[in-house]
Amino acid sequence: MVARAVLAILFAYLLGSIPFAYLITRRRTGLDIREVGEGNVGGRNVWHVVGPTWGTIVSLLDGIKGMAAVMFARDVLRVSPTAALLAGPAVIAGHGFPVFLRFRGGKGVASTFGVIMAWMPEAALGGLATFGLSQLFLHDFNKSIVVGVVTLLVLPPFLGYPLPMALYALALFLALGLKKWLDAAHERRVWASAGWRDGARPGFYREEETETEESLDPPTAAQHA
């Protein structure tokens, strides 16, 4: 039982360490996602740097990581409930401190939603729904995330889930706040050097590079006339 618990937690960490945002951005643009946009290894940054389609794909993949880690521990290895619960923080830790990127990873918002989806699917879906509606009307990612998270945390008791599960979800999101604080200095440096802005349109790096290249083209005959 102990060996299976260790395997479950190790698997969760290594699964979380797969940096989909880094890999896809490097493949599509040649850029290091940690040094462009907002400097975060996550779907939101990929949305801005590469485009909305790839940003959505990365968010889904990161969410699947969270679900898969818990389901592998709980349903495949059939470890104890405590070990299965620990697979959640392990996969989020892998995303935030991935061994494959020298421990410089993302926040883990999507992976956290994935973990909670594995335990409390209705609450997670409710949080995602309110996040989507808030984003539709507010056009502010940070505020929309807050609305989604609060909804997710409030719903469990009304859906019949025990209070400890709501506290488990709360602890995971509090850990995300700590990760955001740890990343603040790095993000400020990247923002200053990369010119990222919160209202940037998706793919704005590629568009701005194209505009810069056009501005460097030699003047045409019409421009000389």
Foldseek 3Di string as FASTA:
>chain_A
DVVLLVVLLVVLLQLLQPQLQQVVCCVQPVDGLLQAALNASALVSCCAAVHVVSSVVRLVSLLQSLQVSLCCSCPVSNDDPVSSLSSNVSSQQSQQQPPVVNGHHHLSLSSLLSNVCNVPVVLSVQLVVQLVVCCVPVVANVVSNVSSLVSSLPCQVVVPHDPVSSVSSVVSVVVSVVSCVVCVVSSVVSCVVHVHDRNRHGNVVVVVVVVVVVVPDDDDPVVVD
